[in-house]
N, C-alpha and C. Protein backbone atom coordinates (compact mmCIF):
# COMPACT_ATOMS: atom_id res chain seq x y z
N MET A 1 -40.83 43.79 -0.73
CA MET A 1 -40.57 42.37 -0.90
C MET A 1 -39.09 42.15 -1.16
N GLY A 2 -38.61 40.98 -0.80
CA GLY A 2 -37.21 40.64 -0.98
C GLY A 2 -36.95 39.99 -2.32
N ASP A 3 -35.69 39.74 -2.57
CA ASP A 3 -35.30 39.09 -3.81
C ASP A 3 -35.53 37.58 -3.71
N VAL A 4 -35.83 36.98 -4.83
CA VAL A 4 -36.02 35.53 -4.88
C VAL A 4 -34.65 34.88 -5.08
N VAL A 5 -34.31 33.95 -4.18
CA VAL A 5 -33.02 33.28 -4.24
C VAL A 5 -33.24 31.83 -4.62
N LYS A 6 -32.55 31.39 -5.68
CA LYS A 6 -32.66 30.00 -6.08
C LYS A 6 -31.59 29.20 -5.36
N PHE A 7 -32.01 28.10 -4.75
CA PHE A 7 -31.06 27.22 -4.10
C PHE A 7 -30.63 26.15 -5.08
N ARG A 8 -29.36 25.88 -5.06
CA ARG A 8 -28.80 24.90 -5.99
C ARG A 8 -28.50 23.63 -5.21
N LYS A 9 -28.93 22.49 -5.73
CA LYS A 9 -28.66 21.21 -5.09
C LYS A 9 -27.22 20.82 -5.41
N PRO A 10 -26.40 20.52 -4.39
CA PRO A 10 -25.00 20.18 -4.66
C PRO A 10 -24.88 18.84 -5.38
N LYS A 11 -23.94 18.77 -6.29
CA LYS A 11 -23.68 17.53 -7.01
C LYS A 11 -23.01 16.54 -6.06
N LEU A 12 -23.15 15.27 -6.35
CA LEU A 12 -22.50 14.26 -5.53
C LEU A 12 -20.99 14.38 -5.60
N SER A 13 -20.47 14.77 -6.76
CA SER A 13 -19.02 14.91 -6.89
C SER A 13 -18.50 16.07 -6.03
N ASP A 14 -19.30 17.12 -5.87
CA ASP A 14 -18.90 18.24 -5.01
C ASP A 14 -19.03 17.87 -3.53
N LYS A 15 -20.05 17.09 -3.22
CA LYS A 15 -20.31 16.71 -1.83
C LYS A 15 -19.22 15.80 -1.28
N HIS A 16 -18.75 14.86 -2.08
CA HIS A 16 -17.76 13.88 -1.63
C HIS A 16 -16.38 14.14 -2.20
N LYS A 17 -16.10 15.36 -2.57
CA LYS A 17 -14.83 15.68 -3.21
C LYS A 17 -13.67 15.45 -2.24
N GLY A 18 -12.73 14.61 -2.63
CA GLY A 18 -11.55 14.34 -1.83
C GLY A 18 -11.72 13.25 -0.80
N LYS A 19 -12.93 12.79 -0.56
CA LYS A 19 -13.16 11.78 0.48
C LYS A 19 -13.09 10.36 -0.08
N THR A 20 -13.28 10.19 -1.38
CA THR A 20 -13.28 8.84 -1.93
C THR A 20 -11.89 8.24 -1.90
N LEU A 21 -10.87 9.04 -2.08
CA LEU A 21 -9.51 8.52 -1.99
C LEU A 21 -9.19 8.10 -0.57
N CYS A 22 -9.64 8.86 0.40
CA CYS A 22 -9.37 8.54 1.80
C CYS A 22 -10.10 7.27 2.23
N LYS A 23 -11.29 7.04 1.72
CA LYS A 23 -12.01 5.81 2.04
C LYS A 23 -11.29 4.59 1.51
N SER A 24 -10.56 4.77 0.42
CA SER A 24 -9.80 3.66 -0.17
C SER A 24 -8.43 3.49 0.48
N GLY A 25 -8.08 4.37 1.41
CA GLY A 25 -6.81 4.25 2.12
C GLY A 25 -5.70 5.12 1.57
N PHE A 26 -6.02 6.01 0.65
CA PHE A 26 -5.01 6.90 0.05
C PHE A 26 -5.13 8.29 0.65
N HIS A 27 -4.70 8.42 1.90
CA HIS A 27 -4.73 9.71 2.58
C HIS A 27 -3.58 10.60 2.10
N LYS A 28 -3.75 11.88 2.26
CA LYS A 28 -2.69 12.84 1.93
C LYS A 28 -2.17 13.40 3.25
N TRP A 29 -1.12 12.76 3.79
CA TRP A 29 -0.62 13.08 5.12
C TRP A 29 0.28 14.30 5.10
N GLU A 30 0.16 15.12 6.16
CA GLU A 30 1.00 16.30 6.37
C GLU A 30 1.47 16.28 7.82
N VAL A 31 2.74 16.56 8.04
CA VAL A 31 3.30 16.54 9.40
C VAL A 31 2.80 17.75 10.18
N VAL A 32 2.21 17.50 11.34
CA VAL A 32 1.71 18.58 12.19
C VAL A 32 2.77 18.92 13.23
N GLN A 33 3.20 17.93 13.99
CA GLN A 33 4.21 18.14 15.01
C GLN A 33 5.28 17.07 14.85
N GLU A 34 6.47 17.50 14.58
CA GLU A 34 7.56 16.57 14.40
C GLU A 34 8.40 16.52 15.67
N LYS A 35 8.78 15.32 16.06
CA LYS A 35 9.63 15.08 17.23
C LYS A 35 9.00 15.59 18.52
N GLN A 36 7.82 15.10 18.80
CA GLN A 36 7.16 15.39 20.06
C GLN A 36 7.41 14.19 20.98
N PHE A 37 7.72 14.43 22.23
CA PHE A 37 8.06 13.35 23.14
C PHE A 37 6.81 12.86 23.87
N ASP A 38 6.55 11.56 23.80
CA ASP A 38 5.43 10.95 24.50
C ASP A 38 5.93 10.31 25.79
N VAL A 39 5.37 10.72 26.91
CA VAL A 39 5.84 10.27 28.21
C VAL A 39 5.47 8.81 28.47
N LYS A 40 4.28 8.40 28.05
CA LYS A 40 3.82 7.04 28.32
C LYS A 40 4.65 6.01 27.55
N GLN A 41 4.95 6.29 26.30
CA GLN A 41 5.74 5.36 25.50
C GLN A 41 7.23 5.55 25.72
N GLY A 42 7.62 6.74 26.11
CA GLY A 42 9.02 7.03 26.36
C GLY A 42 9.85 7.18 25.10
N ARG A 43 9.23 7.65 24.04
CA ARG A 43 9.97 7.86 22.79
C ARG A 43 9.37 9.03 21.99
N LEU A 44 10.06 9.38 20.91
CA LEU A 44 9.61 10.49 20.06
C LEU A 44 8.42 10.06 19.21
N VAL A 45 7.49 10.99 19.02
CA VAL A 45 6.27 10.71 18.27
C VAL A 45 6.08 11.80 17.22
N THR A 46 5.69 11.39 16.01
CA THR A 46 5.36 12.33 14.95
C THR A 46 3.86 12.28 14.72
N VAL A 47 3.20 13.44 14.66
CA VAL A 47 1.75 13.52 14.46
C VAL A 47 1.50 13.93 13.01
N TYR A 48 0.66 13.14 12.31
CA TYR A 48 0.29 13.41 10.93
C TYR A 48 -1.19 13.79 10.87
N HIS A 49 -1.55 14.62 9.87
CA HIS A 49 -2.91 15.09 9.69
C HIS A 49 -3.25 14.97 8.21
N CYS A 50 -4.39 14.34 7.88
CA CYS A 50 -4.81 14.21 6.48
C CYS A 50 -5.44 15.52 6.04
N ILE A 51 -4.98 16.03 4.93
CA ILE A 51 -5.47 17.32 4.43
C ILE A 51 -6.91 17.20 3.92
N ARG A 52 -7.25 16.05 3.32
CA ARG A 52 -8.56 15.89 2.71
C ARG A 52 -9.68 15.67 3.73
N CYS A 53 -9.49 14.69 4.64
CA CYS A 53 -10.61 14.31 5.52
C CYS A 53 -10.41 14.71 6.97
N GLY A 54 -9.20 15.07 7.39
CA GLY A 54 -8.98 15.56 8.74
C GLY A 54 -8.63 14.50 9.77
N VAL A 55 -8.33 13.28 9.35
CA VAL A 55 -7.97 12.21 10.28
C VAL A 55 -6.55 12.44 10.78
N LYS A 56 -6.33 12.15 12.07
CA LYS A 56 -4.99 12.30 12.64
C LYS A 56 -4.38 10.92 12.87
N LYS A 57 -3.05 10.85 12.71
CA LYS A 57 -2.33 9.60 12.89
C LYS A 57 -1.04 9.90 13.61
N THR A 58 -0.65 9.05 14.56
CA THR A 58 0.61 9.22 15.27
C THR A 58 1.53 8.06 14.93
N GLU A 59 2.80 8.37 14.83
CA GLU A 59 3.79 7.36 14.51
C GLU A 59 4.93 7.47 15.51
N ALA A 60 5.21 6.37 16.21
CA ALA A 60 6.30 6.35 17.18
C ALA A 60 7.59 5.94 16.49
N ARG A 61 8.68 6.54 16.91
CA ARG A 61 9.97 6.18 16.31
C ARG A 61 10.80 5.41 17.28
């Protein structure tokens, strides 16, 4: 026979950790690609990535 494994139900704070700030609009942005040239817009573009939730954002200069 095998060992008995107890499963633990995750707490709500563990399940939604870091996502509540992003829902309120407080993302933690990190630069992924700086000074990338976009052909359609014809200008430099910076790509940002949120560390907490994974959303990407582009900013044209």
